[in-house]
Amino acid sequence: MHPINYVLRGKGKRLRPLLTIIASEACGGSKDDVISTALAVEVLHNFTLVHDDIMDQDYIRHGQETVHRKWDDGVAILSGDAMLSLALELLNQSPNALPIQIKIFIKGLL
C-alpha cells in the first residue's frame, strides 16, 4: 500500500473535516459546498502527524505503525510533503475558496 493511502485510511476520528461540514451547514451551506475544503483540512492534519511522528520517534498512530516505522524516515518525510501539496490542491479545487481563505490556510502552515 502507498504510504499516503496508508495514513489516510487509518483509524483517525476525522473530527476536523466533520467540524468543517457542520460549520458550513450551520451557516446555511451544504456538505457539497465544503467537501474539498474538509478533505484539505484532514490531509493537512495528517501531514503534520506524519512529520510529528518522526520528530517524536512515535511508532504507533491510530493503532497502526507510523509511516517512518513501516517504511523509513525518508519515505515519511516525502509522503508528508506530498500530503501538504495535496491539501493545497484540494483547497484550490474548492468552488468556494477565496484567495483570502487560501492565504489564511497557507499562513497557518508557518
C-alpha atoms as a PDB file:
ATOM      1  CA  MET A   1       0.000   0.000   0.000  1.00  0.00           C
ATOM      2  CA  HIS A   2       1.195   3.513  -0.766  1.00  0.00           C
ATOM      3  CA  PRO A   3       2.194   5.413   2.413  1.00  0.00           C
ATOM      4  CA  ILE A   4      -0.266   8.267   1.814  1.00  0.00           C
ATOM      5  CA  ASN A   5      -3.165   5.844   1.372  1.00  0.00           C
ATOM      6  CA  TYR A   6      -1.940   4.001   4.458  1.00  0.00           C
ATOM      7  CA  VAL A   7      -2.134   7.196   6.528  1.00  0.00           C
ATOM      8  CA  LEU A   8      -5.436   8.463   5.156  1.00  0.00           C
ATOM      9  CA  ARG A   9      -7.147   5.095   5.594  1.00  0.00           C
ATOM     10  CA  GLY A  10      -6.062   4.944   9.230  1.00  0.00           C
ATOM     11  CA  LYS A  11      -8.461   4.899  12.148  1.00  0.00           C
ATOM     12  CA  GLY A  12      -8.440   8.610  12.996  1.00  0.00           C
ATOM     13  CA  LYS A  13     -11.620  10.296  14.239  1.00  0.00           C
ATOM     14  CA  ARG A  14     -11.949  12.668  11.245  1.00  0.00           C
ATOM     15  CA  LEU A  15     -13.139  15.373  13.634  1.00  0.00           C
ATOM     16  CA  ARG A  16     -11.688  18.310  11.687  1.00  0.00           C
ATOM     17  CA  PRO A  17     -13.465  17.630   8.392  1.00  0.00           C
ATOM     18  CA  LEU A  18     -16.666  16.871  10.284  1.00  0.00           C
ATOM     19  CA  LEU A  19     -16.455  20.244  12.043  1.00  0.00           C
ATOM     20  CA  THR A  20     -15.840  21.933   8.687  1.00  0.00           C
ATOM     21  CA  ILE A  21     -19.017  20.379   7.291  1.00  0.00           C
ATOM     22  CA  ILE A  22     -21.056  21.171  10.426  1.00  0.00           C
ATOM     23  CA  ALA A  23     -19.889  24.798  10.323  1.00  0.00           C
ATOM     24  CA  SER A  24     -20.915  25.065   6.670  1.00  0.00           C
ATOM     25  CA  GLU A  25     -24.345  23.625   7.367  1.00  0.00           C
ATOM     26  CA  ALA A  26     -24.785  25.906  10.410  1.00  0.00           C
ATOM     27  CA  CYS A  27     -24.189  28.887   8.117  1.00  0.00           C
ATOM     28  CA  GLY A  28     -26.693  27.727   5.506  1.00  0.00           C
ATOM     29  CA  GLY A  29     -24.251  25.845   3.293  1.00  0.00           C
ATOM     30  CA  SER A  30     -24.097  22.168   2.494  1.00  0.00           C
ATOM     31  CA  LYS A  31     -21.580  19.366   2.646  1.00  0.00           C
ATOM     32  CA  ASP A  32     -21.068  19.673  -1.091  1.00  0.00           C
ATOM     33  CA  ASP A  33     -20.081  23.327  -0.630  1.00  0.00           C
ATOM     34  CA  VAL A  34     -17.089  22.428   1.538  1.00  0.00           C
ATOM     35  CA  ILE A  35     -16.166  18.814   0.820  1.00  0.00           C
ATOM     36  CA  SER A  36     -12.873  19.760  -0.868  1.00  0.00           C
ATOM     37  CA  THR A  37     -12.052  22.119   1.985  1.00  0.00           C
ATOM     38  CA  ALA A  38     -12.921  19.467   4.579  1.00  0.00           C
ATOM     39  CA  LEU A  39     -10.676  16.972   2.814  1.00  0.00           C
ATOM     40  CA  ALA A  40      -7.884  19.553   2.639  1.00  0.00           C
ATOM     41  CA  VAL A  41      -8.116  20.094   6.391  1.00  0.00           C
ATOM     42  CA  GLU A  42      -7.913  16.346   7.064  1.00  0.00           C
ATOM     43  CA  VAL A  43      -4.984  15.793   4.705  1.00  0.00           C
ATOM     44  CA  LEU A  44      -3.144  18.775   6.197  1.00  0.00           C
ATOM     45  CA  HIS A  45      -3.706  17.450   9.719  1.00  0.00           C
ATOM     46  CA  ASN A  46      -2.355  14.040   8.759  1.00  0.00           C
ATOM     47  CA  PHE A  47       0.675  15.624   7.096  1.00  0.00           C
ATOM     48  CA  THR A  48       1.548  17.226  10.433  1.00  0.00           C
ATOM     49  CA  LEU A  49       1.112  13.906  12.228  1.00  0.00           C
ATOM     50  CA  VAL A  50       3.462  12.083   9.846  1.00  0.00           C
ATOM     51  CA  HIS A  51       6.190  14.653  10.459  1.00  0.00           C
ATOM     52  CA  ASP A  52       5.424  14.803  14.200  1.00  0.00           C
ATOM     53  CA  ASP A  53       5.818  11.032  14.479  1.00  0.00           C
ATOM     54  CA  ILE A  54       9.339  11.295  13.062  1.00  0.00           C
ATOM     55  CA  MET A  55      10.294  14.108  15.412  1.00  0.00           C
ATOM     56  CA  ASP A  56       8.877  12.345  18.477  1.00  0.00           C
ATOM     57  CA  GLN A  57      10.007   8.889  17.337  1.00  0.00           C
ATOM     58  CA  ASP A  58       6.469   7.577  17.821  1.00  0.00           C
ATOM     59  CA  TYR A  59       5.925   4.081  16.479  1.00  0.00           C
ATOM     60  CA  ILE A  60       2.143   3.779  16.682  1.00  0.00           C
ATOM     61  CA  ARG A  61      -0.503   6.197  15.406  1.00  0.00           C
ATOM     62  CA  HIS A  62      -4.220   5.376  15.460  1.00  0.00           C
ATOM     63  CA  GLY A  63      -3.481   1.748  16.264  1.00  0.00           C
ATOM     64  CA  GLN A  64      -1.076   1.118  13.385  1.00  0.00           C
ATOM     65  CA  GLU A  65       2.625   1.520  12.744  1.00  0.00           C
ATOM     66  CA  THR A  66       3.720   5.027  11.836  1.00  0.00           C
ATOM     67  CA  VAL A  67       4.947   5.673   8.307  1.00  0.00           C
ATOM     68  CA  HIS A  68       8.569   6.164   9.337  1.00  0.00           C
ATOM     69  CA  ARG A  69       8.473   2.873  11.248  1.00  0.00           C
ATOM     70  CA  LYS A  70       6.729   0.866   8.491  1.00  0.00           C
ATOM     71  CA  TRP A  71       8.903   2.342   5.718  1.00  0.00           C
ATOM     72  CA  ASP A  72      11.638   4.787   6.796  1.00  0.00           C
ATOM     73  CA  ASP A  73      12.203   8.452   7.664  1.00  0.00           C
ATOM     74  CA  GLY A  74      12.807   9.479   4.052  1.00  0.00           C
ATOM     75  CA  VAL A  75       9.572   7.922   2.837  1.00  0.00           C
ATOM     76  CA  ALA A  76       7.702   9.533   5.728  1.00  0.00           C
ATOM     77  CA  ILE A  77       9.141  12.988   5.042  1.00  0.00           C
ATOM     78  CA  LEU A  78       8.391  12.823   1.317  1.00  0.00           C
ATOM     79  CA  SER A  79       4.912  11.394   1.949  1.00  0.00           C
ATOM     80  CA  GLY A  80       4.157  14.174   4.410  1.00  0.00           C
ATOM     81  CA  ASP A  81       5.412  16.774   1.952  1.00  0.00           C
ATOM     82  CA  ALA A  82       3.241  15.274  -0.786  1.00  0.00           C
ATOM     83  CA  MET A  83       0.255  15.398   1.570  1.00  0.00           C
ATOM     84  CA  LEU A  84       0.873  19.103   2.095  1.00  0.00           C
ATOM     85  CA  SER A  85       0.794  19.618  -1.687  1.00  0.00           C
ATOM     86  CA  LEU A  86      -2.358  17.503  -1.916  1.00  0.00           C
ATOM     87  CA  ALA A  87      -4.042  19.564   0.813  1.00  0.00           C
ATOM     88  CA  LEU A  88      -3.277  22.775  -1.062  1.00  0.00           C
ATOM     89  CA  GLU A  89      -4.568  21.267  -4.311  1.00  0.00           C
ATOM     90  CA  LEU A  90      -7.800  20.172  -2.603  1.00  0.00           C
ATOM     91  CA  LEU A  91      -8.299  23.642  -1.177  1.00  0.00           C
ATOM     92  CA  ASN A  92      -7.654  25.136  -4.602  1.00  0.00           C
ATOM     93  CA  GLN A  93     -10.355  22.853  -6.065  1.00  0.00           C
ATOM     94  CA  SER A  94     -12.975  24.126  -3.647  1.00  0.00           C
ATOM     95  CA  PRO A  95     -15.515  26.201  -5.577  1.00  0.00           C
ATOM     96  CA  ASN A  96     -15.951  28.474  -2.557  1.00  0.00           C
ATOM     97  CA  ALA A  97     -12.308  29.049  -1.663  1.00  0.00           C
ATOM     98  CA  LEU A  98     -11.496  32.719  -1.890  1.00  0.00           C
ATOM     99  CA  PRO A  99      -7.927  33.984  -2.234  1.00  0.00           C
ATOM    100  CA  ILE A 100      -8.055  35.253   1.362  1.00  0.00           C
ATOM    101  CA  GLN A 101      -9.025  31.788   2.630  1.00  0.00           C
ATOM    102  CA  ILE A 102      -6.140  30.225   0.747  1.00  0.00           C
ATOM    103  CA  LYS A 103      -3.778  32.841   2.200  1.00  0.00           C
ATOM    104  CA  ILE A 104      -5.038  32.088   5.722  1.00  0.00           C
ATOM    105  CA  PHE A 105      -4.621  28.351   5.125  1.00  0.00           C
ATOM    106  CA  ILE A 106      -1.047  28.858   3.932  1.00  0.00           C
ATOM    107  CA  LYS A 107      -0.255  31.281   6.764  1.00  0.00           C
ATOM    108  CA  GLY A 108      -1.410  28.605   9.205  1.00  0.00           C
ATOM    109  CA  LEU A 109       1.396  26.414   7.908  1.00  0.00           C
ATOM    110  CA  LEU A 110       4.058  28.827   9.087  1.00  0.00           C
END
